[in-house]
Amino acid sequence: MTVENAVRALAGSFVLISLALGWFVHPGFFLFTAFVGANLLQSAFTGFCPAEWIFRRIGLESAACSSPATSTSPRA
């Protein structure tokens, strides 16, 4: 799994979990959904994402590093 995929999976999981908690437990959990959305929006403009930093620290590679399309095989 790449860093980019892990960030998407984490954000999607947090959104779905917070929506379920907001619906079934207390509407205050919708604030967590808003926080995740705001964090995604700011990371699109600033390029900084705390989750991405954490995933890199635990050893996940970026898609650019693990892509088979970056091979340097000679063409015929």
PDB file of N, CA and C in Angstrom:
ATOM      1  N   MET A   1       0.849  -1.173   0.000  1.00  0.00           N
ATOM      2  CA  MET A   1       0.000   0.000   0.000  1.00  0.00           C
ATOM      3  C   MET A   1       0.897   1.239   0.000  1.00  0.00           C
ATOM      4  N   THR A   2       0.513   2.219  -0.786  1.00  0.00           N
ATOM      5  CA  THR A   2       1.288   3.452  -0.859  1.00  0.00           C
ATOM      6  C   THR A   2       0.756   4.465   0.154  1.00  0.00           C
ATOM      7  N   VAL A   3       1.529   5.521   0.372  1.00  0.00           N
ATOM      8  CA  VAL A   3       1.118   6.589   1.285  1.00  0.00           C
ATOM      9  C   VAL A   3      -0.184   7.215   0.804  1.00  0.00           C
ATOM     10  N   GLU A   4      -0.279   7.463  -0.485  1.00  0.00           N
ATOM     11  CA  GLU A   4      -1.468   8.105  -1.033  1.00  0.00           C
ATOM     12  C   GLU A   4      -2.716   7.252  -0.813  1.00  0.00           C
ATOM     13  N   ASN A   5      -2.602   5.945  -1.039  1.00  0.00           N
ATOM     14  CA  ASN A   5      -3.741   5.045  -0.815  1.00  0.00           C
ATOM     15  C   ASN A   5      -4.108   4.973   0.660  1.00  0.00           C
ATOM     16  N   ALA A   6      -3.109   4.971   1.527  1.00  0.00           N
ATOM     17  CA  ALA A   6      -3.368   4.907   2.963  1.00  0.00           C
ATOM     18  C   ALA A   6      -4.081   6.165   3.447  1.00  0.00           C
ATOM     19  N   VAL A   7      -3.684   7.332   2.935  1.00  0.00           N
ATOM     20  CA  VAL A   7      -4.346   8.578   3.329  1.00  0.00           C
ATOM     21  C   VAL A   7      -5.799   8.575   2.875  1.00  0.00           C
ATOM     22  N   ARG A   8      -6.036   8.133   1.653  1.00  0.00           N
ATOM     23  CA  ARG A   8      -7.423   8.065   1.160  1.00  0.00           C
ATOM     24  C   ARG A   8      -8.263   7.089   1.978  1.00  0.00           C
ATOM     25  N   ALA A   9      -7.689   5.932   2.299  1.00  0.00           N
ATOM     26  CA  ALA A   9      -8.416   4.940   3.096  1.00  0.00           C
ATOM     27  C   ALA A   9      -8.712   5.465   4.492  1.00  0.00           C
ATOM     28  N   LEU A  10      -7.749   6.138   5.104  1.00  0.00           N
ATOM     29  CA  LEU A  10      -7.948   6.692   6.439  1.00  0.00           C
ATOM     30  C   LEU A  10      -9.014   7.782   6.428  1.00  0.00           C
ATOM     31  N   ALA A  11      -8.937   8.707   5.476  1.00  0.00           N
ATOM     32  CA  ALA A  11      -9.917   9.793   5.400  1.00  0.00           C
ATOM     33  C   ALA A  11     -11.318   9.248   5.133  1.00  0.00           C
ATOM     34  N   GLY A  12     -11.427   8.312   4.204  1.00  0.00           N
ATOM     35  CA  GLY A  12     -12.733   7.724   3.915  1.00  0.00           C
ATOM     36  C   GLY A  12     -13.314   6.981   5.102  1.00  0.00           C
ATOM     37  N   SER A  13     -12.466   6.257   5.819  1.00  0.00           N
ATOM     38  CA  SER A  13     -12.922   5.535   7.017  1.00  0.00           C
ATOM     39  C   SER A  13     -13.391   6.503   8.088  1.00  0.00           C
ATOM     40  N   PHE A  14     -12.606   7.570   8.315  1.00  0.00           N
ATOM     41  CA  PHE A  14     -12.998   8.557   9.326  1.00  0.00           C
ATOM     42  C   PHE A  14     -14.313   9.234   8.972  1.00  0.00           C
ATOM     43  N   VAL A  15     -14.513   9.547   7.711  1.00  0.00           N
ATOM     44  CA  VAL A  15     -15.764  10.186   7.301  1.00  0.00           C
ATOM     45  C   VAL A  15     -16.948   9.250   7.528  1.00  0.00           C
ATOM     46  N   LEU A  16     -16.820   7.999   7.095  1.00  0.00           N
ATOM     47  CA  LEU A  16     -17.936   7.058   7.256  1.00  0.00           C
ATOM     48  C   LEU A  16     -18.224   6.751   8.719  1.00  0.00           C
ATOM     49  N   ILE A  17     -17.170   6.588   9.523  1.00  0.00           N
ATOM     50  CA  ILE A  17     -17.363   6.312  10.952  1.00  0.00           C
ATOM     51  C   ILE A  17     -18.017   7.503  11.648  1.00  0.00           C
ATOM     52  N   SER A  18     -17.539   8.716  11.338  1.00  0.00           N
ATOM     53  CA  SER A  18     -18.115   9.885  12.003  1.00  0.00           C
ATOM     54  C   SER A  18     -19.549  10.148  11.548  1.00  0.00           C
ATOM     55  N   LEU A  19     -19.857   9.844  10.299  1.00  0.00           N
ATOM     56  CA  LEU A  19     -21.242   9.973   9.846  1.00  0.00           C
ATOM     57  C   LEU A  19     -22.147   8.988  10.578  1.00  0.00           C
ATOM     58  N   ALA A  20     -21.696   7.761  10.732  1.00  0.00           N
ATOM     59  CA  ALA A  20     -22.493   6.763  11.455  1.00  0.00           C
ATOM     60  C   ALA A  20     -22.667   7.173  12.920  1.00  0.00           C
ATOM     61  N   LEU A  21     -21.594   7.648  13.551  1.00  0.00           N
ATOM     62  CA  LEU A  21     -21.697   8.088  14.941  1.00  0.00           C
ATOM     63  C   LEU A  21     -22.622   9.292  15.074  1.00  0.00           C
ATOM     64  N   GLY A  22     -22.556  10.204  14.109  1.00  0.00           N
ATOM     65  CA  GLY A  22     -23.441  11.364  14.135  1.00  0.00           C
ATOM     66  C   GLY A  22     -24.896  10.991  13.959  1.00  0.00           C
ATOM     67  N   TRP A  23     -25.137   9.995  13.170  1.00  0.00           N
ATOM     68  CA  TRP A  23     -26.520   9.562  12.920  1.00  0.00           C
ATOM     69  C   TRP A  23     -27.085   8.748  14.087  1.00  0.00           C
ATOM     70  N   PHE A  24     -26.278   7.808  14.604  1.00  0.00           N
ATOM     71  CA  PHE A  24     -26.795   6.874  15.603  1.00  0.00           C
ATOM     72  C   PHE A  24     -26.510   7.270  17.051  1.00  0.00           C
ATOM     73  N   VAL A  25     -25.485   8.070  17.304  1.00  0.00           N
ATOM     74  CA  VAL A  25     -25.100   8.369  18.686  1.00  0.00           C
ATOM     75  C   VAL A  25     -25.440   9.808  19.065  1.00  0.00           C
ATOM     76  N   HIS A  26     -24.773  10.765  18.417  1.00  0.00           N
ATOM     77  CA  HIS A  26     -24.989  12.177  18.753  1.00  0.00           C
ATOM     78  C   HIS A  26     -24.592  13.044  17.563  1.00  0.00           C
ATOM     79  N   PRO A  27     -25.379  14.057  17.249  1.00  0.00           N
ATOM     80  CA  PRO A  27     -25.064  14.913  16.099  1.00  0.00           C
ATOM     81  C   PRO A  27     -23.732  15.664  16.227  1.00  0.00           C
ATOM     82  N   GLY A  28     -23.183  15.760  17.412  1.00  0.00           N
ATOM     83  CA  GLY A  28     -21.897  16.419  17.599  1.00  0.00           C
ATOM     84  C   GLY A  28     -20.763  15.736  16.848  1.00  0.00           C
ATOM     85  N   PHE A  29     -20.921  14.471  16.529  1.00  0.00           N
ATOM     86  CA  PHE A  29     -19.891  13.755  15.779  1.00  0.00           C
ATOM     87  C   PHE A  29     -19.765  14.260  14.334  1.00  0.00           C
ATOM     88  N   PHE A  30     -20.760  14.979  13.854  1.00  0.00           N
ATOM     89  CA  PHE A  30     -20.656  15.568  12.514  1.00  0.00           C
ATOM     90  C   PHE A  30     -19.542  16.615  12.456  1.00  0.00           C
ATOM     91  N   LEU A  31     -19.169  17.172  13.594  1.00  0.00           N
ATOM     92  CA  LEU A  31     -18.046  18.117  13.629  1.00  0.00           C
ATOM     93  C   LEU A  31     -16.743  17.420  13.241  1.00  0.00           C
ATOM     94  N   PHE A  32     -16.616  16.153  13.596  1.00  0.00           N
ATOM     95  CA  PHE A  32     -15.425  15.400  13.205  1.00  0.00           C
ATOM     96  C   PHE A  32     -15.391  15.208  11.690  1.00  0.00           C
ATOM     97  N   THR A  33     -16.555  14.985  11.089  1.00  0.00           N
ATOM     98  CA  THR A  33     -16.630  14.889   9.634  1.00  0.00           C
ATOM     99  C   THR A  33     -16.172  16.199   8.997  1.00  0.00           C
ATOM    100  N   ALA A  34     -16.601  17.322   9.560  1.00  0.00           N
ATOM    101  CA  ALA A  34     -16.190  18.628   9.051  1.00  0.00           C
ATOM    102  C   ALA A  34     -14.687  18.829   9.214  1.00  0.00           C
ATOM    103  N   PHE A  35     -14.124  18.364  10.317  1.00  0.00           N
ATOM    104  CA  PHE A  35     -12.688  18.481  10.542  1.00  0.00           C
ATOM    105  C   PHE A  35     -11.898  17.706   9.489  1.00  0.00           C
ATOM    106  N   VAL A  36     -12.339  16.501   9.179  1.00  0.00           N
ATOM    107  CA  VAL A  36     -11.658  15.699   8.161  1.00  0.00           C
ATOM    108  C   VAL A  36     -11.738  16.386   6.809  1.00  0.00           C
ATOM    109  N   GLY A  37     -12.890  16.911   6.459  1.00  0.00           N
ATOM    110  CA  GLY A  37     -13.040  17.626   5.195  1.00  0.00           C
ATOM    111  C   GLY A  37     -12.174  18.869   5.132  1.00  0.00           C
ATOM    112  N   ALA A  38     -12.104  19.620   6.225  1.00  0.00           N
ATOM    113  CA  ALA A  38     -11.267  20.820   6.261  1.00  0.00           C
ATOM    114  C   ALA A  38      -9.790  20.453   6.132  1.00  0.00           C
ATOM    115  N   ASN A  39      -9.385  19.362   6.762  1.00  0.00           N
ATOM    116  CA  ASN A  39      -7.994  18.919   6.666  1.00  0.00           C
ATOM    117  C   ASN A  39      -7.660  18.499   5.234  1.00  0.00           C
ATOM    118  N   LEU A  40      -8.562  17.814   4.562  1.00  0.00           N
ATOM    119  CA  LEU A  40      -8.345  17.441   3.164  1.00  0.00           C
ATOM    120  C   LEU A  40      -8.247  18.678   2.273  1.00  0.00           C
ATOM    121  N   LEU A  41      -9.087  19.652   2.539  1.00  0.00           N
ATOM    122  CA  LEU A  41      -9.069  20.874   1.742  1.00  0.00           C
ATOM    123  C   LEU A  41      -7.768  21.655   1.941  1.00  0.00           C
ATOM    124  N   GLN A  42      -7.342  21.815   3.194  1.00  0.00           N
ATOM    125  CA  GLN A  42      -6.106  22.559   3.426  1.00  0.00           C
ATOM    126  C   GLN A  42      -4.904  21.818   2.866  1.00  0.00           C
ATOM    127  N   SER A  43      -4.910  20.490   2.911  1.00  0.00           N
ATOM    128  CA  SER A  43      -3.769  19.744   2.379  1.00  0.00           C
ATOM    129  C   SER A  43      -3.691  19.854   0.851  1.00  0.00           C
ATOM    130  N   ALA A  44      -4.828  20.062   0.208  1.00  0.00           N
ATOM    131  CA  ALA A  44      -4.820  20.251  -1.246  1.00  0.00           C
ATOM    132  C   ALA A  44      -4.126  21.554  -1.627  1.00  0.00           C
ATOM    133  N   PHE A  45      -4.246  22.570  -0.782  1.00  0.00           N
ATOM    134  CA  PHE A  45      -3.647  23.869  -1.083  1.00  0.00           C
ATOM    135  C   PHE A  45      -2.234  24.023  -0.537  1.00  0.00           C
ATOM    136  N   THR A  46      -1.957  23.427   0.628  1.00  0.00           N
ATOM    137  CA  THR A  46      -0.648  23.621   1.253  1.00  0.00           C
ATOM    138  C   THR A  46       0.322  22.492   0.971  1.00  0.00           C
ATOM    139  N   GLY A  47      -0.199  21.308   0.648  1.00  0.00           N
ATOM    140  CA  GLY A  47       0.664  20.161   0.422  1.00  0.00           C
ATOM    141  C   GLY A  47       1.074  19.457   1.703  1.00  0.00           C
ATOM    142  N   PHE A  48       0.611  19.941   2.856  1.00  0.00           N
ATOM    143  CA  PHE A  48       0.942  19.318   4.139  1.00  0.00           C
ATOM    144  C   PHE A  48      -0.241  18.516   4.646  1.00  0.00           C
ATOM    145  N   CYS A  49       0.012  17.235   4.952  1.00  0.00           N
ATOM    146  CA  CYS A  49      -1.013  16.362   5.507  1.00  0.00           C
ATOM    147  C   CYS A  49      -0.395  15.580   6.663  1.00  0.00           C
ATOM    148  N   PRO A  50      -0.887  15.765   7.874  1.00  0.00           N
ATOM    149  CA  PRO A  50      -0.312  15.054   9.021  1.00  0.00           C
ATOM    150  C   PRO A  50      -0.356  13.529   8.869  1.00  0.00           C
ATOM    151  N   ALA A  51      -1.429  13.011   8.300  1.00  0.00           N
ATOM    152  CA  ALA A  51      -1.529  11.562   8.117  1.00  0.00           C
ATOM    153  C   ALA A  51      -0.461  11.057   7.159  1.00  0.00           C
ATOM    154  N   GLU A  52      -0.189  11.816   6.107  1.00  0.00           N
ATOM    155  CA  GLU A  52       0.850  11.438   5.147  1.00  0.00           C
ATOM    156  C   GLU A  52       2.215  11.392   5.832  1.00  0.00           C
ATOM    157  N   TRP A  53       2.482  12.379   6.676  1.00  0.00           N
ATOM    158  CA  TRP A  53       3.744  12.424   7.419  1.00  0.00           C
ATOM    159  C   TRP A  53       3.888  11.183   8.314  1.00  0.00           C
ATOM    160  N   ILE A  54       2.808  10.817   8.997  1.00  0.00           N
ATOM    161  CA  ILE A  54       2.834   9.643   9.891  1.00  0.00           C
ATOM    162  C   ILE A  54       3.057   8.364   9.093  1.00  0.00           C
ATOM    163  N   PHE A  55       2.361   8.217   7.979  1.00  0.00           N
ATOM    164  CA  PHE A  55       2.517   7.005   7.176  1.00  0.00           C
ATOM    165  C   PHE A  55       3.932   6.872   6.607  1.00  0.00           C
ATOM    166  N   ARG A  56       4.538   7.990   6.233  1.00  0.00           N
ATOM    167  CA  ARG A  56       5.927   7.928   5.760  1.00  0.00           C
ATOM    168  C   ARG A  56       6.866   7.543   6.892  1.00  0.00           C
ATOM    169  N   ARG A  57       6.602   8.037   8.099  1.00  0.00           N
ATOM    170  CA  ARG A  57       7.446   7.716   9.253  1.00  0.00           C
ATOM    171  C   ARG A  57       7.382   6.229   9.612  1.00  0.00           C
ATOM    172  N   ILE A  58       6.241   5.578   9.353  1.00  0.00           N
ATOM    173  CA  ILE A  58       6.144   4.149   9.672  1.00  0.00           C
ATOM    174  C   ILE A  58       6.609   3.261   8.531  1.00  0.00           C
ATOM    175  N   GLY A  59       7.020   3.878   7.404  1.00  0.00           N
ATOM    176  CA  GLY A  59       7.667   3.103   6.366  1.00  0.00           C
ATOM    177  C   GLY A  59       6.933   2.878   5.067  1.00  0.00           C
ATOM    178  N   LEU A  60       5.769   3.479   4.881  1.00  0.00           N
ATOM    179  CA  LEU A  60       5.085   3.326   3.596  1.00  0.00           C
ATOM    180  C   LEU A  60       5.791   4.163   2.544  1.00  0.00           C
ATOM    181  N   GLU A  61       5.792   3.671   1.319  1.00  0.00           N
ATOM    182  CA  GLU A  61       6.449   4.383   0.226  1.00  0.00           C
ATOM    183  C   GLU A  61       5.446   5.204  -0.565  1.00  0.00           C
ATOM    184  N   SER A  62       5.956   6.228  -1.214  1.00  0.00           N
ATOM    185  CA  SER A  62       5.142   7.064  -2.080  1.00  0.00           C
ATOM    186  C   SER A  62       4.863   6.316  -3.382  1.00  0.00           C
ATOM    187  N   ALA A  63       3.804   6.694  -4.080  1.00  0.00           N
ATOM    188  CA  ALA A  63       3.458   6.035  -5.349  1.00  0.00           C
ATOM    189  C   ALA A  63       4.549   6.244  -6.387  1.00  0.00           C
ATOM    190  N   ALA A  64       5.224   7.367  -6.354  1.00  0.00           N
ATOM    191  CA  ALA A  64       6.291   7.646  -7.312  1.00  0.00           C
ATOM    192  C   ALA A  64       7.463   6.687  -7.126  1.00  0.00           C
ATOM    193  N   CYS A  65       7.675   6.236  -5.901  1.00  0.00           N
ATOM    194  CA  CYS A  65       8.783   5.328  -5.626  1.00  0.00           C
ATOM    195  C   CYS A  65       8.462   3.883  -5.989  1.00  0.00           C
ATOM    196  N   SER A  66       7.191   3.506  -5.929  1.00  0.00           N
ATOM    197  CA  SER A  66       6.842   2.104  -6.120  1.00  0.00           C
ATOM    198  C   SER A  66       6.142   1.823  -7.438  1.00  0.00           C
ATOM    199  N   SER A  67       6.032   2.796  -8.308  1.00  0.00           N
ATOM    200  CA  SER A  67       5.319   2.619  -9.564  1.00  0.00           C
ATOM    201  C   SER A  67       6.156   1.837 -10.576  1.00  0.00           C
ATOM    202  N   PRO A  68       5.578   0.805 -11.205  1.00  0.00           N
ATOM    203  CA  PRO A  68       6.326   0.067 -12.227  1.00  0.00           C
ATOM    204  C   PRO A  68       6.546   0.899 -13.490  1.00  0.00           C
ATOM    205  N   ALA A  69       5.821   1.983 -13.661  1.00  0.00           N
ATOM    206  CA  ALA A  69       5.959   2.814 -14.850  1.00  0.00           C
ATOM    207  C   ALA A  69       7.253   3.622 -14.830  1.00  0.00           C
ATOM    208  N   THR A  70       7.964   3.651 -13.717  1.00  0.00           N
ATOM    209  CA  THR A  70       9.187   4.426 -13.626  1.00  0.00           C
ATOM    210  C   THR A  70      10.416   3.597 -13.921  1.00  0.00           C
ATOM    211  N   SER A  71      10.234   2.406 -14.483  1.00  0.00           N
ATOM    212  CA  SER A  71      11.381   1.579 -14.780  1.00  0.00           C
ATOM    213  C   SER A  71      12.181   2.195 -15.920  1.00  0.00           C
ATOM    214  N   THR A  72      13.466   1.904 -15.963  1.00  0.00           N
ATOM    215  CA  THR A  72      14.351   2.514 -16.970  1.00  0.00           C
ATOM    216  C   THR A  72      14.800   1.463 -17.991  1.00  0.00           C
ATOM    217  N   SER A  73      13.849   0.675 -18.447  1.00  0.00           N
ATOM    218  CA  SER A  73      14.208  -0.334 -19.446  1.00  0.00           C
ATOM    219  C   SER A  73      14.367   0.328 -20.806  1.00  0.00           C
ATOM    220  N   PRO A  74      15.353  -0.112 -21.613  1.00  0.00           N
ATOM    221  CA  PRO A  74      15.557   0.496 -22.929  1.00  0.00           C
ATOM    222  C   PRO A  74      14.440   0.113 -23.886  1.00  0.00           C
ATOM    223  N   ARG A  75      14.127   1.030 -24.789  1.00  0.00           N
ATOM    224  CA  ARG A  75      13.091   0.775 -25.783  1.00  0.00           C
ATOM    225  C   ARG A  75      13.735   0.327 -27.086  1.00  0.00           C
ATOM    226  N   ALA A  76      13.018  -0.479 -27.815  1.00  0.00           N
ATOM    227  CA  ALA A  76      13.537  -0.994 -29.072  1.00  0.00           C
ATOM    228  C   ALA A  76      13.347  -0.036 -30.213  1.00  0.00           C
TER     229      ALA A  76
END
